[in-house]
Amino acid sequence: MLSKKTKKKVKKRISAKRLCSSIIKREGVKKDGTLKKGYRYVKGGKVVKAKAKK
């Protein structure tokens, strides 16, 4: 008796970047990717809280 070979279903993998981006929320950035009031970008693309000028 011969059995038919069936292909195994391959599960789609989610990349680490996509998985983490849905979990980790950067402080100072809105959901649409724009900066919240009082935050700014610094060299290297980091988001930091802006200090008031004296």
PDB file of N, CA and C in Angstrom:
ATOM      1  N   MET A   1       0.822  -1.183   0.000  1.00  0.00           N
ATOM      2  CA  MET A   1       0.000   0.000   0.000  1.00  0.00           C
ATOM      3  C   MET A   1       0.869   1.251   0.000  1.00  0.00           C
ATOM      4  N   LEU A   2       0.682   2.095  -0.983  1.00  0.00           N
ATOM      5  CA  LEU A   2       1.466   3.317  -1.078  1.00  0.00           C
ATOM      6  C   LEU A   2       0.639   4.504  -0.607  1.00  0.00           C
ATOM      7  N   SER A   3       1.278   5.373   0.140  1.00  0.00           N
ATOM      8  CA  SER A   3       0.563   6.573   0.595  1.00  0.00           C
ATOM      9  C   SER A   3       0.995   7.763  -0.252  1.00  0.00           C
ATOM     10  N   LYS A   4       0.073   8.689  -0.437  1.00  0.00           N
ATOM     11  CA  LYS A   4       0.388   9.883  -1.215  1.00  0.00           C
ATOM     12  C   LYS A   4       1.239  10.825  -0.388  1.00  0.00           C
ATOM     13  N   LYS A   5       2.191  11.435  -1.060  1.00  0.00           N
ATOM     14  CA  LYS A   5       3.017  12.436  -0.378  1.00  0.00           C
ATOM     15  C   LYS A   5       2.298  13.772  -0.417  1.00  0.00           C
ATOM     16  N   THR A   6       2.201  14.426   0.713  1.00  0.00           N
ATOM     17  CA  THR A   6       1.571  15.743   0.763  1.00  0.00           C
ATOM     18  C   THR A   6       2.607  16.768   1.181  1.00  0.00           C
ATOM     19  N   LYS A   7       2.485  17.942   0.588  1.00  0.00           N
ATOM     20  CA  LYS A   7       3.417  19.011   0.927  1.00  0.00           C
ATOM     21  C   LYS A   7       3.059  19.591   2.280  1.00  0.00           C
ATOM     22  N   LYS A   8       4.077  19.885   3.068  1.00  0.00           N
ATOM     23  CA  LYS A   8       3.844  20.525   4.354  1.00  0.00           C
ATOM     24  C   LYS A   8       3.548  22.000   4.120  1.00  0.00           C
ATOM     25  N   LYS A   9       2.587  22.526   4.862  1.00  0.00           N
ATOM     26  CA  LYS A   9       2.270  23.940   4.734  1.00  0.00           C
ATOM     27  C   LYS A   9       3.326  24.754   5.462  1.00  0.00           C
ATOM     28  N   VAL A  10       3.864  25.726   4.760  1.00  0.00           N
ATOM     29  CA  VAL A  10       4.908  26.575   5.327  1.00  0.00           C
ATOM     30  C   VAL A  10       4.260  27.793   5.977  1.00  0.00           C
ATOM     31  N   LYS A  11       4.594  28.026   7.228  1.00  0.00           N
ATOM     32  CA  LYS A  11       4.058  29.171   7.957  1.00  0.00           C
ATOM     33  C   LYS A  11       4.827  30.420   7.545  1.00  0.00           C
ATOM     34  N   LYS A  12       4.108  31.523   7.285  1.00  0.00           N
ATOM     35  CA  LYS A  12       4.784  32.767   6.943  1.00  0.00           C
ATOM     36  C   LYS A  12       5.471  33.312   8.175  1.00  0.00           C
ATOM     37  N   ARG A  13       6.719  33.693   8.028  1.00  0.00           N
ATOM     38  CA  ARG A  13       7.474  34.222   9.154  1.00  0.00           C
ATOM     39  C   ARG A  13       7.383  35.738   9.200  1.00  0.00           C
ATOM     40  N   ILE A  14       7.350  36.262  10.409  1.00  0.00           N
ATOM     41  CA  ILE A  14       7.324  37.706  10.601  1.00  0.00           C
ATOM     42  C   ILE A  14       8.747  38.126  10.962  1.00  0.00           C
ATOM     43  N   SER A  15       9.250  39.150  10.274  1.00  0.00           N
ATOM     44  CA  SER A  15      10.608  39.597  10.544  1.00  0.00           C
ATOM     45  C   SER A  15      10.681  40.203  11.945  1.00  0.00           C
ATOM     46  N   ALA A  16      11.866  40.167  12.537  1.00  0.00           N
ATOM     47  CA  ALA A  16      12.067  40.687  13.889  1.00  0.00           C
ATOM     48  C   ALA A  16      11.753  42.174  13.958  1.00  0.00           C
ATOM     49  N   LYS A  17      12.103  42.904  12.895  1.00  0.00           N
ATOM     50  CA  LYS A  17      11.854  44.347  12.872  1.00  0.00           C
ATOM     51  C   LYS A  17      10.360  44.634  12.928  1.00  0.00           C
ATOM     52  N   ARG A  18       9.591  43.895  12.148  1.00  0.00           N
ATOM     53  CA  ARG A  18       8.146  44.108  12.111  1.00  0.00           C
ATOM     54  C   ARG A  18       7.497  43.702  13.437  1.00  0.00           C
ATOM     55  N   LEU A  19       7.956  42.612  14.014  1.00  0.00           N
ATOM     56  CA  LEU A  19       7.415  42.134  15.280  1.00  0.00           C
ATOM     57  C   LEU A  19       7.688  43.130  16.400  1.00  0.00           C
ATOM     58  N   CYS A  20       8.916  43.611  16.478  1.00  0.00           N
ATOM     59  CA  CYS A  20       9.311  44.533  17.544  1.00  0.00           C
ATOM     60  C   CYS A  20       8.668  45.910  17.382  1.00  0.00           C
ATOM     61  N   SER A  21       8.504  46.352  16.142  1.00  0.00           N
ATOM     62  CA  SER A  21       7.952  47.681  15.931  1.00  0.00           C
ATOM     63  C   SER A  21       6.502  47.770  16.390  1.00  0.00           C
ATOM     64  N   SER A  22       5.801  46.642  16.404  1.00  0.00           N
ATOM     65  CA  SER A  22       4.426  46.666  16.883  1.00  0.00           C
ATOM     66  C   SER A  22       4.357  46.602  18.399  1.00  0.00           C
ATOM     67  N   ILE A  23       5.441  46.187  19.041  1.00  0.00           N
ATOM     68  CA  ILE A  23       5.472  46.063  20.501  1.00  0.00           C
ATOM     69  C   ILE A  23       6.144  47.280  21.140  1.00  0.00           C
ATOM     70  N   ILE A  24       7.318  47.629  20.643  1.00  0.00           N
ATOM     71  CA  ILE A  24       8.089  48.727  21.225  1.00  0.00           C
ATOM     72  C   ILE A  24       7.621  50.050  20.636  1.00  0.00           C
ATOM     73  N   LYS A  25       7.190  50.945  21.472  1.00  0.00           N
ATOM     74  CA  LYS A  25       6.754  52.261  21.032  1.00  0.00           C
ATOM     75  C   LYS A  25       7.808  53.280  21.457  1.00  0.00           C
ATOM     76  N   ARG A  26       8.267  54.064  20.502  1.00  0.00           N
ATOM     77  CA  ARG A  26       9.253  55.091  20.833  1.00  0.00           C
ATOM     78  C   ARG A  26       8.557  56.264  21.499  1.00  0.00           C
ATOM     79  N   GLU A  27       9.175  56.771  22.539  1.00  0.00           N
ATOM     80  CA  GLU A  27       8.630  57.920  23.257  1.00  0.00           C
ATOM     81  C   GLU A  27       8.791  59.155  22.395  1.00  0.00           C
ATOM     82  N   GLY A  28       7.730  59.929  22.272  1.00  0.00           N
ATOM     83  CA  GLY A  28       7.792  61.169  21.519  1.00  0.00           C
ATOM     84  C   GLY A  28       7.381  61.061  20.069  1.00  0.00           C
ATOM     85  N   VAL A  29       6.989  59.875  19.621  1.00  0.00           N
ATOM     86  CA  VAL A  29       6.581  59.689  18.236  1.00  0.00           C
ATOM     87  C   VAL A  29       5.125  59.221  18.210  1.00  0.00           C
ATOM     88  N   LYS A  30       4.319  59.884  17.382  1.00  0.00           N
ATOM     89  CA  LYS A  30       2.908  59.509  17.237  1.00  0.00           C
ATOM     90  C   LYS A  30       2.791  58.250  16.386  1.00  0.00           C
ATOM     91  N   LYS A  31       1.608  57.659  16.350  1.00  0.00           N
ATOM     92  CA  LYS A  31       1.391  56.434  15.562  1.00  0.00           C
ATOM     93  C   LYS A  31       1.656  56.641  14.079  1.00  0.00           C
ATOM     94  N   ASP A  32       1.393  57.854  13.581  1.00  0.00           N
ATOM     95  CA  ASP A  32       1.614  58.115  12.153  1.00  0.00           C
ATOM     96  C   ASP A  32       3.067  58.460  11.831  1.00  0.00           C
ATOM     97  N   GLY A  33       3.946  58.459  12.842  1.00  0.00           N
ATOM     98  CA  GLY A  33       5.376  58.664  12.611  1.00  0.00           C
ATOM     99  C   GLY A  33       5.855  60.084  12.795  1.00  0.00           C
ATOM    100  N   THR A  34       4.953  61.018  13.126  1.00  0.00           N
ATOM    101  CA  THR A  34       5.372  62.401  13.337  1.00  0.00           C
ATOM    102  C   THR A  34       5.749  62.610  14.803  1.00  0.00           C
ATOM    103  N   LEU A  35       6.527  63.645  15.040  1.00  0.00           N
ATOM    104  CA  LEU A  35       6.973  63.929  16.400  1.00  0.00           C
ATOM    105  C   LEU A  35       5.891  64.609  17.223  1.00  0.00           C
ATOM    106  N   LYS A  36       5.862  64.259  18.497  1.00  0.00           N
ATOM    107  CA  LYS A  36       4.945  64.940  19.416  1.00  0.00           C
ATOM    108  C   LYS A  36       5.556  66.286  19.782  1.00  0.00           C
ATOM    109  N   LYS A  37       4.722  67.181  20.306  1.00  0.00           N
ATOM    110  CA  LYS A  37       5.201  68.506  20.692  1.00  0.00           C
ATOM    111  C   LYS A  37       6.195  68.354  21.846  1.00  0.00           C
ATOM    112  N   GLY A  38       7.313  69.065  21.750  1.00  0.00           N
ATOM    113  CA  GLY A  38       8.322  69.026  22.805  1.00  0.00           C
ATOM    114  C   GLY A  38       9.412  67.995  22.579  1.00  0.00           C
ATOM    115  N   TYR A  39       9.419  67.336  21.434  1.00  0.00           N
ATOM    116  CA  TYR A  39      10.447  66.354  21.095  1.00  0.00           C
ATOM    117  C   TYR A  39      11.142  66.767  19.807  1.00  0.00           C
ATOM    118  N   ARG A  40      12.392  66.303  19.631  1.00  0.00           N
ATOM    119  CA  ARG A  40      13.135  66.621  18.414  1.00  0.00           C
ATOM    120  C   ARG A  40      14.074  65.474  18.066  1.00  0.00           C
ATOM    121  N   TYR A  41      14.541  65.479  16.834  1.00  0.00           N
ATOM    122  CA  TYR A  41      15.523  64.497  16.382  1.00  0.00           C
ATOM    123  C   TYR A  41      16.928  65.018  16.655  1.00  0.00           C
ATOM    124  N   VAL A  42      17.830  64.120  17.028  1.00  0.00           N
ATOM    125  CA  VAL A  42      19.245  64.459  17.163  1.00  0.00           C
ATOM    126  C   VAL A  42      20.032  63.607  16.178  1.00  0.00           C
ATOM    127  N   LYS A  43      21.312  63.887  16.054  1.00  0.00           N
ATOM    128  CA  LYS A  43      22.160  63.168  15.111  1.00  0.00           C
ATOM    129  C   LYS A  43      22.073  61.664  15.381  1.00  0.00           C
ATOM    130  N   GLY A  44      21.887  60.903  14.345  1.00  0.00           N
ATOM    131  CA  GLY A  44      21.764  59.456  14.489  1.00  0.00           C
ATOM    132  C   GLY A  44      20.324  58.983  14.457  1.00  0.00           C
ATOM    133  N   GLY A  45      19.373  59.921  14.396  1.00  0.00           N
ATOM    134  CA  GLY A  45      17.975  59.571  14.282  1.00  0.00           C
ATOM    135  C   GLY A  45      17.250  59.300  15.593  1.00  0.00           C
ATOM    136  N   LYS A  46      17.924  59.599  16.720  1.00  0.00           N
ATOM    137  CA  LYS A  46      17.277  59.395  18.021  1.00  0.00           C
ATOM    138  C   LYS A  46      16.270  60.499  18.288  1.00  0.00           C
ATOM    139  N   VAL A  47      15.254  60.165  19.064  1.00  0.00           N
ATOM    140  CA  VAL A  47      14.242  61.154  19.455  1.00  0.00           C
ATOM    141  C   VAL A  47      14.471  61.482  20.923  1.00  0.00           C
ATOM    142  N   VAL A  48      14.644  62.782  21.212  1.00  0.00           N
ATOM    143  CA  VAL A  48      14.873  63.222  22.591  1.00  0.00           C
ATOM    144  C   VAL A  48      13.927  64.355  22.931  1.00  0.00           C
ATOM    145  N   LYS A  49      13.712  64.536  24.224  1.00  0.00           N
ATOM    146  CA  LYS A  49      12.863  65.611  24.679  1.00  0.00           C
ATOM    147  C   LYS A  49      13.634  66.919  24.522  1.00  0.00           C
ATOM    148  N   ALA A  50      13.004  67.907  23.916  1.00  0.00           N
ATOM    149  CA  ALA A  50      13.665  69.195  23.658  1.00  0.00           C
ATOM    150  C   ALA A  50      13.752  69.996  24.947  1.00  0.00           C
ATOM    151  N   LYS A  51      14.877  70.653  25.145  1.00  0.00           N
ATOM    152  CA  LYS A  51      15.058  71.515  26.307  1.00  0.00           C
ATOM    153  C   LYS A  51      14.725  72.948  25.911  1.00  0.00           C
ATOM    154  N   ALA A  52      14.158  73.682  26.844  1.00  0.00           N
ATOM    155  CA  ALA A  52      13.817  75.079  26.577  1.00  0.00           C
ATOM    156  C   ALA A  52      15.087  75.906  26.502  1.00  0.00           C
ATOM    157  N   LYS A  53      15.121  76.851  25.549  1.00  0.00           N
ATOM    158  CA  LYS A  53      16.276  77.741  25.424  1.00  0.00           C
ATOM    159  C   LYS A  53      16.241  78.775  26.522  1.00  0.00           C
ATOM    160  N   LYS A  54      17.415  79.082  27.063  1.00  0.00           N
ATOM    161  CA  LYS A  54      17.512  80.070  28.155  1.00  0.00           C
ATOM    162  C   LYS A  54      17.866  81.419  27.630  1.00  0.00           C
TER     163      LYS A  54
END
